[in-house]
PDB file of N, CA and C in Angstrom:
ATOM      1  N   UNK A   1      88.420 150.607  83.551  1.00  0.00           N
ATOM      2  CA  UNK A   1      87.301 150.567  82.656  1.00  0.00           C
ATOM      3  C   UNK A   1      86.636 151.933  82.519  1.00  0.00           C
ATOM      4  N   UNK A   2      85.637 151.989  81.714  1.00  0.00           N
ATOM      5  CA  UNK A   2      84.926 153.234  81.435  1.00  0.00           C
ATOM      6  C   UNK A   2      84.328 153.821  82.698  1.00  0.00           C
ATOM      7  N   UNK A   3      83.692 153.005  83.516  1.00  0.00           N
ATOM      8  CA  UNK A   3      83.046 153.537  84.714  1.00  0.00           C
ATOM      9  C   UNK A   3      84.067 154.086  85.700  1.00  0.00           C
ATOM     10  N   UNK A   4      85.231 153.464  85.806  1.00  0.00           N
ATOM     11  CA  UNK A   4      86.261 153.954  86.722  1.00  0.00           C
ATOM     12  C   UNK A   4      86.773 155.314  86.278  1.00  0.00           C
ATOM     13  N   UNK A   5      87.073 155.464  84.992  1.00  0.00           N
ATOM     14  CA  UNK A   5      87.610 156.736  84.513  1.00  0.00           C
ATOM     15  C   UNK A   5      86.575 157.858  84.589  1.00  0.00           C
ATOM     16  N   UNK A   6      85.299 157.508  84.516  1.00  0.00           N
ATOM     17  CA  UNK A   6      84.231 158.507  84.598  1.00  0.00           C
ATOM     18  C   UNK A   6      83.807 158.767  86.043  1.00  0.00           C
ATOM     19  N   UNK A   7      84.329 157.974  86.988  1.00  0.00           N
ATOM     20  CA  UNK A   7      83.971 158.143  88.389  1.00  0.00           C
ATOM     21  C   UNK A   7      82.554 157.703  88.697  1.00  0.00           C
ATOM     22  N   UNK A   8      82.062 156.720  87.963  1.00  0.00           N
ATOM     23  CA  UNK A   8      80.708 156.214  88.184  1.00  0.00           C
ATOM     24  C   UNK A   8      80.746 154.722  88.479  1.00  0.00           C
ATOM     25  N   UNK A   9      79.617 154.199  88.886  1.00  0.00           N
ATOM     26  CA  UNK A   9      79.491 152.770  89.157  1.00  0.00           C
ATOM     27  C   UNK A   9      78.249 152.235  88.465  1.00  0.00           C
ATOM     28  N   UNK A  10      78.297 150.954  88.145  1.00  0.00           N
ATOM     29  CA  UNK A  10      77.140 150.270  87.569  1.00  0.00           C
ATOM     30  C   UNK A  10      76.834 149.092  88.477  1.00  0.00           C
ATOM     31  N   UNK A  11      75.597 148.975  88.888  1.00  0.00           N
ATOM     32  CA  UNK A  11      75.163 147.875  89.739  1.00  0.00           C
ATOM     33  C   UNK A  11      74.304 146.937  88.913  1.00  0.00           C
ATOM     34  N   UNK A  12      74.686 145.666  88.879  1.00  0.00           N
ATOM     35  CA  UNK A  12      73.911 144.650  88.168  1.00  0.00           C
ATOM     36  C   UNK A  12      73.463 143.629  89.202  1.00  0.00           C
ATOM     37  N   UNK A  13      72.186 143.383  89.268  1.00  0.00           N
ATOM     38  CA  UNK A  13      71.639 142.375  90.176  1.00  0.00           C
ATOM     39  C   UNK A  13      71.229 141.189  89.323  1.00  0.00           C
ATOM     40  N   UNK A  14      71.798 140.013  89.619  1.00  0.00           N
ATOM     41  CA  UNK A  14      71.527 138.842  88.793  1.00  0.00           C
ATOM     42  C   UNK A  14      71.637 137.560  89.615  1.00  0.00           C
ATOM     43  N   UNK A  15      70.971 136.550  89.138  1.00  0.00           N
ATOM     44  CA  UNK A  15      71.137 135.204  89.684  1.00  0.00           C
ATOM     45  C   UNK A  15      72.055 134.398  88.778  1.00  0.00           C
ATOM     46  N   UNK A  16      72.490 135.005  87.674  1.00  0.00           N
ATOM     47  CA  UNK A  16      73.311 134.333  86.675  1.00  0.00           C
ATOM     48  C   UNK A  16      74.793 134.551  86.991  1.00  0.00           C
ATOM     49  N   UNK A  17      75.448 133.521  87.500  1.00  0.00           N
ATOM     50  CA  UNK A  17      76.863 133.638  87.873  1.00  0.00           C
ATOM     51  C   UNK A  17      77.756 133.915  86.666  1.00  0.00           C
ATOM     52  N   UNK A  18      77.334 133.507  85.488  1.00  0.00           N
ATOM     53  CA  UNK A  18      78.126 133.750  84.281  1.00  0.00           C
ATOM     54  C   UNK A  18      78.230 135.252  84.014  1.00  0.00           C
ATOM     55  N   UNK A  19      77.135 135.973  84.160  1.00  0.00           N
ATOM     56  CA  UNK A  19      77.155 137.424  83.967  1.00  0.00           C
ATOM     57  C   UNK A  19      78.030 138.086  85.033  1.00  0.00           C
ATOM     58  N   UNK A  20      77.996 137.582  86.241  1.00  0.00           N
ATOM     59  CA  UNK A  20      78.781 138.160  87.333  1.00  0.00           C
ATOM     60  C   UNK A  20      80.282 138.085  87.062  1.00  0.00           C
ATOM     61  N   UNK A  21      80.709 137.199  86.182  1.00  0.00           N
ATOM     62  CA  UNK A  21      82.140 137.053  85.888  1.00  0.00           C
ATOM     63  C   UNK A  21      82.766 138.316  85.306  1.00  0.00           C
ATOM     64  N   UNK A  22      81.976 139.220  84.724  1.00  0.00           N
ATOM     65  CA  UNK A  22      82.552 140.433  84.120  1.00  0.00           C
ATOM     66  C   UNK A  22      82.722 141.570  85.138  1.00  0.00           C
ATOM     67  N   UNK A  23      82.258 141.374  86.342  1.00  0.00           N
ATOM     68  CA  UNK A  23      82.347 142.421  87.374  1.00  0.00           C
ATOM     69  C   UNK A  23      83.740 142.482  87.986  1.00  0.00           C
ATOM     70  N   UNK A  24      84.123 143.665  88.476  1.00  0.00           N
ATOM     71  CA  UNK A  24      85.393 143.764  89.192  1.00  0.00           C
ATOM     72  C   UNK A  24      85.200 143.576  90.702  1.00  0.00           C
ATOM     73  N   UNK A  25      83.946 143.494  91.120  1.00  0.00           N
ATOM     74  CA  UNK A  25      83.619 143.224  92.521  1.00  0.00           C
ATOM     75  C   UNK A  25      82.307 142.455  92.554  1.00  0.00           C
ATOM     76  N   UNK A  26      82.242 141.432  93.404  1.00  0.00           N
ATOM     77  CA  UNK A  26      81.021 140.634  93.540  1.00  0.00           C
ATOM     78  C   UNK A  26      80.579 140.665  95.002  1.00  0.00           C
ATOM     79  N   UNK A  27      79.336 141.047  95.205  1.00  0.00           N
ATOM     80  CA  UNK A  27      78.739 141.044  96.541  1.00  0.00           C
ATOM     81  C   UNK A  27      77.590 140.046  96.501  1.00  0.00           C
ATOM     82  N   UNK A  28      77.658 139.019  97.325  1.00  0.00           N
ATOM     83  CA  UNK A  28      76.611 138.000  97.374  1.00  0.00           C
ATOM     84  C   UNK A  28      75.715 138.252  98.579  1.00  0.00           C
ATOM     85  N   UNK A  29      74.417 138.116  98.357  1.00  0.00           N
ATOM     86  CA  UNK A  29      73.431 138.286  99.423  1.00  0.00           C
ATOM     87  C   UNK A  29      72.802 136.950  99.775  1.00  0.00           C
ATOM     88  N   UNK A  30      72.436 136.796 101.031  1.00  0.00           N
ATOM     89  CA  UNK A  30      71.717 135.618 101.496  1.00  0.00           C
ATOM     90  C   UNK A  30      70.719 136.082 102.546  1.00  0.00           C
ATOM     91  N   UNK A  31      69.457 135.838 102.306  1.00  0.00           N
ATOM     92  CA  UNK A  31      68.388 136.257 103.219  1.00  0.00           C
ATOM     93  C   UNK A  31      68.468 137.747 103.549  1.00  0.00           C
ATOM     94  N   UNK A  32      68.824 138.558 102.557  1.00  0.00           N
ATOM     95  CA  UNK A  32      68.859 140.003 102.726  1.00  0.00           C
ATOM     96  C   UNK A  32      70.113 140.563 103.370  1.00  0.00           C
ATOM     97  N   UNK A  33      71.067 139.700 103.696  1.00  0.00           N
ATOM     98  CA  UNK A  33      72.318 140.151 104.311  1.00  0.00           C
ATOM     99  C   UNK A  33      73.496 139.835 103.400  1.00  0.00           C
ATOM    100  N   UNK A  34      74.564 140.608 103.532  1.00  0.00           N
ATOM    101  CA  UNK A  34      75.764 140.355 102.737  1.00  0.00           C
ATOM    102  C   UNK A  34      76.430 139.077 103.235  1.00  0.00           C
ATOM    103  N   UNK A  35      76.538 138.096 102.349  1.00  0.00           N
ATOM    104  CA  UNK A  35      77.165 136.821 102.683  1.00  0.00           C
ATOM    105  C   UNK A  35      78.630 136.807 102.250  1.00  0.00           C
ATOM    106  N   UNK A  36      78.962 137.577 101.204  1.00  0.00           N
ATOM    107  CA  UNK A  36      80.341 137.655 100.713  1.00  0.00           C
ATOM    108  C   UNK A  36      80.514 138.959  99.957  1.00  0.00           C
ATOM    109  N   UNK A  37      81.706 139.509 100.040  1.00  0.00           N
ATOM    110  CA  UNK A  37      82.054 140.740  99.324  1.00  0.00           C
ATOM    111  C   UNK A  37      83.510 140.585  98.923  1.00  0.00           C
ATOM    112  N   UNK A  38      83.749 140.403  97.629  1.00  0.00           N
ATOM    113  CA  UNK A  38      85.116 140.127  97.202  1.00  0.00           C
ATOM    114  C   UNK A  38      85.436 140.773  95.856  1.00  0.00           C
ATOM    115  N   UNK A  39      86.704 141.091  95.658  1.00  0.00           N
ATOM    116  CA  UNK A  39      87.110 141.586  94.342  1.00  0.00           C
ATOM    117  C   UNK A  39      87.082 140.433  93.343  1.00  0.00           C
ATOM    118  N   UNK A  40      86.995 140.761  92.076  1.00  0.00           N
ATOM    119  CA  UNK A  40      86.949 139.750  91.025  1.00  0.00           C
ATOM    120  C   UNK A  40      87.788 140.235  89.854  1.00  0.00           C
ATOM    121  N   UNK A  41      88.529 139.338  89.235  1.00  0.00           N
ATOM    122  CA  UNK A  41      89.260 139.670  88.010  1.00  0.00           C
ATOM    123  C   UNK A  41      88.267 139.527  86.863  1.00  0.00           C
ATOM    124  N   UNK A  42      87.822 140.649  86.284  1.00  0.00           N
ATOM    125  CA  UNK A  42      86.771 140.594  85.266  1.00  0.00           C
ATOM    126  C   UNK A  42      87.151 139.750  84.052  1.00  0.00           C
ATOM    127  N   UNK A  43      86.224 138.909  83.638  1.00  0.00           N
ATOM    128  CA  UNK A  43      86.395 138.102  82.425  1.00  0.00           C
ATOM    129  C   UNK A  43      86.021 138.950  81.216  1.00  0.00           C
ATOM    130  N   UNK A  44      86.609 138.635  80.085  1.00  0.00           N
ATOM    131  CA  UNK A  44      86.236 139.288  78.832  1.00  0.00           C
ATOM    132  C   UNK A  44      84.838 138.807  78.449  1.00  0.00           C
ATOM    133  N   UNK A  45      83.980 139.722  78.062  1.00  0.00           N
ATOM    134  CA  UNK A  45      82.592 139.379  77.716  1.00  0.00           C
ATOM    135  C   UNK A  45      82.543 138.298  76.641  1.00  0.00           C
ATOM    136  N   UNK A  46      83.501 138.293  75.737  1.00  0.00           N
ATOM    137  CA  UNK A  46      83.488 137.311  74.643  1.00  0.00           C
ATOM    138  C   UNK A  46      83.702 135.882  75.130  1.00  0.00           C
ATOM    139  N   UNK A  47      84.151 135.703  76.390  1.00  0.00           N
ATOM    140  CA  UNK A  47      84.380 134.355  76.916  1.00  0.00           C
ATOM    141  C   UNK A  47      83.172 133.784  77.653  1.00  0.00           C
ATOM    142  N   UNK A  48      82.128 134.585  77.843  1.00  0.00           N
ATOM    143  CA  UNK A  48      80.945 134.110  78.566  1.00  0.00           C
ATOM    144  C   UNK A  48      80.226 133.030  77.778  1.00  0.00           C
ATOM    145  N   UNK A  49      79.676 132.057  78.497  1.00  0.00           N
ATOM    146  CA  UNK A  49      78.885 130.983  77.883  1.00  0.00           C
ATOM    147  C   UNK A  49      77.417 131.238  78.183  1.00  0.00           C
ATOM    148  N   UNK A  50      76.696 131.766  77.211  1.00  0.00           N
ATOM    149  CA  UNK A  50      75.287 132.096  77.367  1.00  0.00           C
ATOM    150  C   UNK A  50      74.506 130.851  77.209  1.00  0.00           C
TER     151      UNK A  50
END
């Protein structure tokens, strides 16, 4: 993606799991600690259900 080729990262903080589907990595927090850290196959934005 654009951020990879530019050597940058974008951090999105959300409670909306649908938005998280476009990420290539998902880190879940619980009570301020990392509960899960996993790669994700990014979904096409056009497939999101708003």
